[in-house]
Amino acid sequence: MPFVLKPQIEKELERLEAVGILQKVDSSDWAAPIVPVLKKDGQLRICGDYKLTVHQALETEQYPLPKPEDLLQH
């Protein structure tokens, strides 16, 4: 996380906890790094980067698109 955004990130995390959106936990098998994003109006949006945690555990269904020649057969 960018050091300059640390106070703003902490404030936003405290706000989200106060309104019941987030809940503090001591530990979790599903921890993921946060990605802070500044909105156009200067507010902070906290996003999660799940590519190394949740995404690895998902079973993705593969539905390949049919070839045009297969669709246009008489």
PDB file of N, CA and C in Angstrom:
ATOM      1  N   MET A   1       0.847  -1.167   0.000  1.00  0.00           N
ATOM      2  CA  MET A   1       0.000   0.000   0.000  1.00  0.00           C
ATOM      3  C   MET A   1       0.894   1.233   0.000  1.00  0.00           C
ATOM      4  N   PRO A   2       0.520   2.253  -0.736  1.00  0.00           N
ATOM      5  CA  PRO A   2       1.309   3.488  -0.741  1.00  0.00           C
ATOM      6  C   PRO A   2       1.315   4.130   0.654  1.00  0.00           C
ATOM      7  N   PHE A   3       2.498   4.438   1.142  1.00  0.00           N
ATOM      8  CA  PHE A   3       2.649   5.001   2.493  1.00  0.00           C
ATOM      9  C   PHE A   3       1.845   6.286   2.667  1.00  0.00           C
ATOM     10  N   VAL A   4       1.778   7.090   1.631  1.00  0.00           N
ATOM     11  CA  VAL A   4       1.075   8.367   1.719  1.00  0.00           C
ATOM     12  C   VAL A   4      -0.429   8.167   1.943  1.00  0.00           C
ATOM     13  N   LEU A   5      -0.965   7.026   1.540  1.00  0.00           N
ATOM     14  CA  LEU A   5      -2.401   6.761   1.695  1.00  0.00           C
ATOM     15  C   LEU A   5      -2.725   6.046   3.009  1.00  0.00           C
ATOM     16  N   LYS A   6      -1.730   5.664   3.781  1.00  0.00           N
ATOM     17  CA  LYS A   6      -1.969   4.870   4.992  1.00  0.00           C
ATOM     18  C   LYS A   6      -2.983   5.508   5.942  1.00  0.00           C
ATOM     19  N   PRO A   7      -2.867   6.796   6.292  1.00  0.00           N
ATOM     20  CA  PRO A   7      -3.869   7.382   7.201  1.00  0.00           C
ATOM     21  C   PRO A   7      -5.291   7.351   6.614  1.00  0.00           C
ATOM     22  N   GLN A   8      -5.404   7.600   5.337  1.00  0.00           N
ATOM     23  CA  GLN A   8      -6.712   7.589   4.676  1.00  0.00           C
ATOM     24  C   GLN A   8      -7.287   6.164   4.637  1.00  0.00           C
ATOM     25  N   ILE A   9      -6.435   5.181   4.409  1.00  0.00           N
ATOM     26  CA  ILE A   9      -6.867   3.776   4.386  1.00  0.00           C
ATOM     27  C   ILE A   9      -7.340   3.352   5.773  1.00  0.00           C
ATOM     28  N   GLU A  10      -6.568   3.686   6.801  1.00  0.00           N
ATOM     29  CA  GLU A  10      -6.952   3.332   8.166  1.00  0.00           C
ATOM     30  C   GLU A  10      -8.282   3.969   8.539  1.00  0.00           C
ATOM     31  N   LYS A  11      -8.475   5.225   8.162  1.00  0.00           N
ATOM     32  CA  LYS A  11      -9.732   5.929   8.452  1.00  0.00           C
ATOM     33  C   LYS A  11     -10.903   5.241   7.751  1.00  0.00           C
ATOM     34  N   GLU A  12     -10.720   4.852   6.496  1.00  0.00           N
ATOM     35  CA  GLU A  12     -11.790   4.186   5.744  1.00  0.00           C
ATOM     36  C   GLU A  12     -12.089   2.810   6.326  1.00  0.00           C
ATOM     37  N   LEU A  13     -11.067   2.054   6.721  1.00  0.00           N
ATOM     38  CA  LEU A  13     -11.289   0.751   7.343  1.00  0.00           C
ATOM     39  C   LEU A  13     -12.051   0.896   8.661  1.00  0.00           C
ATOM     40  N   GLU A  14     -11.712   1.901   9.445  1.00  0.00           N
ATOM     41  CA  GLU A  14     -12.428   2.157  10.703  1.00  0.00           C
ATOM     42  C   GLU A  14     -13.881   2.520  10.427  1.00  0.00           C
ATOM     43  N   ARG A  15     -14.129   3.318   9.398  1.00  0.00           N
ATOM     44  CA  ARG A  15     -15.500   3.697   9.034  1.00  0.00           C
ATOM     45  C   ARG A  15     -16.303   2.472   8.612  1.00  0.00           C
ATOM     46  N   LEU A  16     -15.708   1.630   7.773  1.00  0.00           N
ATOM     47  CA  LEU A  16     -16.396   0.428   7.311  1.00  0.00           C
ATOM     48  C   LEU A  16     -16.691  -0.528   8.465  1.00  0.00           C
ATOM     49  N   GLU A  17     -15.802  -0.579   9.428  1.00  0.00           N
ATOM     50  CA  GLU A  17     -16.042  -1.410  10.612  1.00  0.00           C
ATOM     51  C   GLU A  17     -17.162  -0.816  11.471  1.00  0.00           C
ATOM     52  N   ALA A  18     -17.170   0.495  11.614  1.00  0.00           N
ATOM     53  CA  ALA A  18     -18.172   1.165  12.447  1.00  0.00           C
ATOM     54  C   ALA A  18     -19.588   0.981  11.903  1.00  0.00           C
ATOM     55  N   VAL A  19     -19.739   0.942  10.580  1.00  0.00           N
ATOM     56  CA  VAL A  19     -21.076   0.780   9.993  1.00  0.00           C
ATOM     57  C   VAL A  19     -21.432  -0.683   9.770  1.00  0.00           C
ATOM     58  N   GLY A  20     -20.545  -1.600  10.189  1.00  0.00           N
ATOM     59  CA  GLY A  20     -20.860  -3.019  10.140  1.00  0.00           C
ATOM     60  C   GLY A  20     -20.588  -3.716   8.822  1.00  0.00           C
ATOM     61  N   ILE A  21     -19.877  -3.065   7.920  1.00  0.00           N
ATOM     62  CA  ILE A  21     -19.540  -3.694   6.633  1.00  0.00           C
ATOM     63  C   ILE A  21     -18.375  -4.658   6.808  1.00  0.00           C
ATOM     64  N   LEU A  22     -17.392  -4.261   7.609  1.00  0.00           N
ATOM     65  CA  LEU A  22     -16.239  -5.110   7.893  1.00  0.00           C
ATOM     66  C   LEU A  22     -16.245  -5.509   9.362  1.00  0.00           C
ATOM     67  N   GLN A  23     -15.584  -6.619   9.648  1.00  0.00           N
ATOM     68  CA  GLN A  23     -15.451  -7.086  11.017  1.00  0.00           C
ATOM     69  C   GLN A  23     -14.011  -7.549  11.220  1.00  0.00           C
ATOM     70  N   LYS A  24     -13.384  -7.096  12.298  1.00  0.00           N
ATOM     71  CA  LYS A  24     -12.005  -7.499  12.582  1.00  0.00           C
ATOM     72  C   LYS A  24     -11.950  -8.975  12.932  1.00  0.00           C
ATOM     73  N   VAL A  25     -10.918  -9.646  12.431  1.00  0.00           N
ATOM     74  CA  VAL A  25     -10.645 -11.043  12.789  1.00  0.00           C
ATOM     75  C   VAL A  25      -9.167 -11.159  13.142  1.00  0.00           C
ATOM     76  N   ASP A  26      -8.837 -12.146  13.971  1.00  0.00           N
ATOM     77  CA  ASP A  26      -7.443 -12.347  14.367  1.00  0.00           C
ATOM     78  C   ASP A  26      -6.641 -13.018  13.261  1.00  0.00           C
ATOM     79  N   SER A  27      -7.254 -13.999  12.608  1.00  0.00           N
ATOM     80  CA  SER A  27      -6.566 -14.669  11.509  1.00  0.00           C
ATOM     81  C   SER A  27      -7.611 -15.289  10.588  1.00  0.00           C
ATOM     82  N   SER A  28      -7.190 -15.577   9.357  1.00  0.00           N
ATOM     83  CA  SER A  28      -8.096 -16.164   8.383  1.00  0.00           C
ATOM     84  C   SER A  28      -7.296 -16.897   7.317  1.00  0.00           C
ATOM     85  N   ASP A  29      -7.833 -18.004   6.839  1.00  0.00           N
ATOM     86  CA  ASP A  29      -7.198 -18.721   5.731  1.00  0.00           C
ATOM     87  C   ASP A  29      -7.430 -17.998   4.407  1.00  0.00           C
ATOM     88  N   TRP A  30      -8.366 -17.053   4.395  1.00  0.00           N
ATOM     89  CA  TRP A  30      -8.751 -16.392   3.146  1.00  0.00           C
ATOM     90  C   TRP A  30      -8.314 -14.936   3.101  1.00  0.00           C
ATOM     91  N   ALA A  31      -7.257 -14.581   3.769  1.00  0.00           N
ATOM     92  CA  ALA A  31      -6.770 -13.202   3.734  1.00  0.00           C
ATOM     93  C   ALA A  31      -6.316 -12.838   2.322  1.00  0.00           C
ATOM     94  N   ALA A  32      -6.597 -11.615   1.940  1.00  0.00           N
ATOM     95  CA  ALA A  32      -6.195 -11.118   0.615  1.00  0.00           C
ATOM     96  C   ALA A  32      -5.698  -9.685   0.776  1.00  0.00           C
ATOM     97  N   PRO A  33      -4.709  -9.300  -0.012  1.00  0.00           N
ATOM     98  CA  PRO A  33      -4.224  -7.921   0.077  1.00  0.00           C
ATOM     99  C   PRO A  33      -5.276  -6.938  -0.417  1.00  0.00           C
ATOM    100  N   ILE A  34      -5.252  -5.744   0.162  1.00  0.00           N
ATOM    101  CA  ILE A  34      -6.173  -4.708  -0.301  1.00  0.00           C
ATOM    102  C   ILE A  34      -5.479  -3.850  -1.350  1.00  0.00           C
ATOM    103  N   VAL A  35      -6.296  -3.266  -2.202  1.00  0.00           N
ATOM    104  CA  VAL A  35      -5.808  -2.363  -3.240  1.00  0.00           C
ATOM    105  C   VAL A  35      -6.566  -1.052  -3.083  1.00  0.00           C
ATOM    106  N   PRO A  36      -5.901   0.005  -2.621  1.00  0.00           N
ATOM    107  CA  PRO A  36      -6.586   1.292  -2.477  1.00  0.00           C
ATOM    108  C   PRO A  36      -6.695   1.993  -3.832  1.00  0.00           C
ATOM    109  N   VAL A  37      -7.880   2.513  -4.117  1.00  0.00           N
ATOM    110  CA  VAL A  37      -8.121   3.228  -5.378  1.00  0.00           C
ATOM    111  C   VAL A  37      -8.733   4.577  -5.030  1.00  0.00           C
ATOM    112  N   LEU A  38      -8.146   5.635  -5.548  1.00  0.00           N
ATOM    113  CA  LEU A  38      -8.704   6.966  -5.332  1.00  0.00           C
ATOM    114  C   LEU A  38      -9.772   7.255  -6.381  1.00  0.00           C
ATOM    115  N   LYS A  39     -10.951   7.692  -5.908  1.00  0.00           N
ATOM    116  CA  LYS A  39     -12.035   8.064  -6.804  1.00  0.00           C
ATOM    117  C   LYS A  39     -11.767   9.471  -7.355  1.00  0.00           C
ATOM    118  N   LYS A  40     -12.521   9.857  -8.358  1.00  0.00           N
ATOM    119  CA  LYS A  40     -12.344  11.192  -8.952  1.00  0.00           C
ATOM    120  C   LYS A  40     -12.555  12.308  -7.934  1.00  0.00           C
ATOM    121  N   ASP A  41     -13.463  12.071  -6.977  1.00  0.00           N
ATOM    122  CA  ASP A  41     -13.750  13.113  -5.981  1.00  0.00           C
ATOM    123  C   ASP A  41     -12.768  13.096  -4.801  1.00  0.00           C
ATOM    124  N   GLY A  42     -11.726  12.243  -4.864  1.00  0.00           N
ATOM    125  CA  GLY A  42     -10.714  12.197  -3.824  1.00  0.00           C
ATOM    126  C   GLY A  42     -10.987  11.181  -2.737  1.00  0.00           C
ATOM    127  N   GLN A  43     -12.187  10.595  -2.720  1.00  0.00           N
ATOM    128  CA  GLN A  43     -12.489   9.566  -1.727  1.00  0.00           C
ATOM    129  C   GLN A  43     -11.723   8.290  -2.049  1.00  0.00           C
ATOM    130  N   LEU A  44     -11.605   7.439  -1.056  1.00  0.00           N
ATOM    131  CA  LEU A  44     -10.850   6.209  -1.202  1.00  0.00           C
ATOM    132  C   LEU A  44     -11.802   5.030  -1.331  1.00  0.00           C
ATOM    133  N   ARG A  45     -11.525   4.161  -2.274  1.00  0.00           N
ATOM    134  CA  ARG A  45     -12.257   2.900  -2.408  1.00  0.00           C
ATOM    135  C   ARG A  45     -11.261   1.787  -2.097  1.00  0.00           C
ATOM    136  N   ILE A  46     -11.669   0.872  -1.218  1.00  0.00           N
ATOM    137  CA  ILE A  46     -10.801  -0.250  -0.869  1.00  0.00           C
ATOM    138  C   ILE A  46     -11.297  -1.483  -1.616  1.00  0.00           C
ATOM    139  N   CYS A  47     -10.417  -2.041  -2.426  1.00  0.00           N
ATOM    140  CA  CYS A  47     -10.728  -3.230  -3.210  1.00  0.00           C
ATOM    141  C   CYS A  47      -9.838  -4.372  -2.730  1.00  0.00           C
ATOM    142  N   GLY A  48     -10.253  -5.590  -3.017  1.00  0.00           N
ATOM    143  CA  GLY A  48      -9.456  -6.754  -2.656  1.00  0.00           C
ATOM    144  C   GLY A  48      -8.808  -7.357  -3.892  1.00  0.00           C
ATOM    145  N   ASP A  49      -7.601  -7.882  -3.730  1.00  0.00           N
ATOM    146  CA  ASP A  49      -6.894  -8.560  -4.817  1.00  0.00           C
ATOM    147  C   ASP A  49      -6.952 -10.058  -4.521  1.00  0.00           C
ATOM    148  N   TYR A  50      -7.887 -10.751  -5.185  1.00  0.00           N
ATOM    149  CA  TYR A  50      -8.161 -12.145  -4.869  1.00  0.00           C
ATOM    150  C   TYR A  50      -7.468 -13.136  -5.795  1.00  0.00           C
ATOM    151  N   LYS A  51      -6.594 -12.676  -6.669  1.00  0.00           N
ATOM    152  CA  LYS A  51      -6.007 -13.586  -7.654  1.00  0.00           C
ATOM    153  C   LYS A  51      -5.144 -14.678  -7.025  1.00  0.00           C
ATOM    154  N   LEU A  52      -4.574 -14.438  -5.859  1.00  0.00           N
ATOM    155  CA  LEU A  52      -3.720 -15.443  -5.228  1.00  0.00           C
ATOM    156  C   LEU A  52      -4.426 -16.230  -4.129  1.00  0.00           C
ATOM    157  N   THR A  53      -5.671 -15.876  -3.821  1.00  0.00           N
ATOM    158  CA  THR A  53      -6.362 -16.555  -2.719  1.00  0.00           C
ATOM    159  C   THR A  53      -7.630 -17.238  -3.221  1.00  0.00           C
ATOM    160  N   VAL A  54      -8.707 -16.508  -3.285  1.00  0.00           N
ATOM    161  CA  VAL A  54     -10.008 -17.077  -3.638  1.00  0.00           C
ATOM    162  C   VAL A  54     -10.014 -17.611  -5.070  1.00  0.00           C
ATOM    163  N   HIS A  55      -9.460 -16.882  -6.001  1.00  0.00           N
ATOM    164  CA  HIS A  55      -9.482 -17.304  -7.408  1.00  0.00           C
ATOM    165  C   HIS A  55      -8.803 -18.653  -7.610  1.00  0.00           C
ATOM    166  N   GLN A  56      -7.777 -18.931  -6.834  1.00  0.00           N
ATOM    167  CA  GLN A  56      -7.069 -20.208  -6.953  1.00  0.00           C
ATOM    168  C   GLN A  56      -7.940 -21.369  -6.491  1.00  0.00           C
ATOM    169  N   ALA A  57      -8.891 -21.101  -5.591  1.00  0.00           N
ATOM    170  CA  ALA A  57      -9.734 -22.158  -5.045  1.00  0.00           C
ATOM    171  C   ALA A  57     -11.002 -22.384  -5.869  1.00  0.00           C
ATOM    172  N   LEU A  58     -11.301 -21.499  -6.796  1.00  0.00           N
ATOM    173  CA  LEU A  58     -12.524 -21.622  -7.602  1.00  0.00           C
ATOM    174  C   LEU A  58     -12.383 -22.693  -8.668  1.00  0.00           C
ATOM    175  N   GLU A  59     -13.463 -23.381  -8.918  1.00  0.00           N
ATOM    176  CA  GLU A  59     -13.515 -24.307 -10.039  1.00  0.00           C
ATOM    177  C   GLU A  59     -14.225 -23.587 -11.176  1.00  0.00           C
ATOM    178  N   THR A  60     -13.498 -23.296 -12.226  1.00  0.00           N
ATOM    179  CA  THR A  60     -14.101 -22.557 -13.328  1.00  0.00           C
ATOM    180  C   THR A  60     -14.653 -23.513 -14.373  1.00  0.00           C
ATOM    181  N   GLU A  61     -15.822 -23.192 -14.846  1.00  0.00           N
ATOM    182  CA  GLU A  61     -16.459 -23.978 -15.901  1.00  0.00           C
ATOM    183  C   GLU A  61     -15.960 -23.462 -17.248  1.00  0.00           C
ATOM    184  N   GLN A  62     -15.650 -24.367 -18.134  1.00  0.00           N
ATOM    185  CA  GLN A  62     -15.176 -23.990 -19.464  1.00  0.00           C
ATOM    186  C   GLN A  62     -16.290 -24.227 -20.476  1.00  0.00           C
ATOM    187  N   TYR A  63     -16.705 -23.184 -21.126  1.00  0.00           N
ATOM    188  CA  TYR A  63     -17.714 -23.272 -22.168  1.00  0.00           C
ATOM    189  C   TYR A  63     -17.132 -22.657 -23.438  1.00  0.00           C
ATOM    190  N   PRO A  64     -16.426 -23.457 -24.245  1.00  0.00           N
ATOM    191  CA  PRO A  64     -15.813 -22.884 -25.454  1.00  0.00           C
ATOM    192  C   PRO A  64     -16.879 -22.449 -26.453  1.00  0.00           C
ATOM    193  N   LEU A  65     -16.608 -21.369 -27.143  1.00  0.00           N
ATOM    194  CA  LEU A  65     -17.527 -20.873 -28.167  1.00  0.00           C
ATOM    195  C   LEU A  65     -17.463 -21.782 -29.388  1.00  0.00           C
ATOM    196  N   PRO A  66     -18.603 -22.061 -29.990  1.00  0.00           N
ATOM    197  CA  PRO A  66     -18.577 -22.888 -31.197  1.00  0.00           C
ATOM    198  C   PRO A  66     -17.953 -22.129 -32.360  1.00  0.00           C
ATOM    199  N   LYS A  67     -17.378 -22.879 -33.276  1.00  0.00           N
ATOM    200  CA  LYS A  67     -16.795 -22.281 -34.474  1.00  0.00           C
ATOM    201  C   LYS A  67     -17.920 -21.847 -35.412  1.00  0.00           C
ATOM    202  N   PRO A  68     -17.714 -20.766 -36.170  1.00  0.00           N
ATOM    203  CA  PRO A  68     -18.757 -20.306 -37.097  1.00  0.00           C
ATOM    204  C   PRO A  68     -19.200 -21.392 -38.086  1.00  0.00           C
ATOM    205  N   GLU A  69     -18.259 -22.201 -38.561  1.00  0.00           N
ATOM    206  CA  GLU A  69     -18.632 -23.240 -39.522  1.00  0.00           C
ATOM    207  C   GLU A  69     -19.524 -24.305 -38.887  1.00  0.00           C
ATOM    208  N   ASP A  70     -19.372 -24.546 -37.590  1.00  0.00           N
ATOM    209  CA  ASP A  70     -20.243 -25.494 -36.906  1.00  0.00           C
ATOM    210  C   ASP A  70     -21.656 -24.933 -36.749  1.00  0.00           C
ATOM    211  N   LEU A  71     -21.746 -23.622 -36.551  1.00  0.00           N
ATOM    212  CA  LEU A  71     -23.064 -22.982 -36.401  1.00  0.00           C
ATOM    213  C   LEU A  71     -23.805 -22.886 -37.737  1.00  0.00           C
ATOM    214  N   LEU A  72     -23.072 -22.772 -38.823  1.00  0.00           N
ATOM    215  CA  LEU A  72     -23.697 -22.504 -40.118  1.00  0.00           C
ATOM    216  C   LEU A  72     -23.858 -23.752 -40.983  1.00  0.00           C
ATOM    217  N   GLN A  73     -23.674 -24.915 -40.400  1.00  0.00           N
ATOM    218  CA  GLN A  73     -23.854 -26.152 -41.169  1.00  0.00           C
ATOM    219  C   GLN A  73     -25.343 -26.348 -41.465  1.00  0.00           C
ATOM    220  N   HIS A  74     -25.648 -26.913 -42.658  1.00  0.00           N
ATOM    221  CA  HIS A  74     -27.045 -27.140 -43.040  1.00  0.00           C
ATOM    222  C   HIS A  74     -27.559 -28.415 -42.484  1.00  0.00           C
TER     223      HIS A  74
END
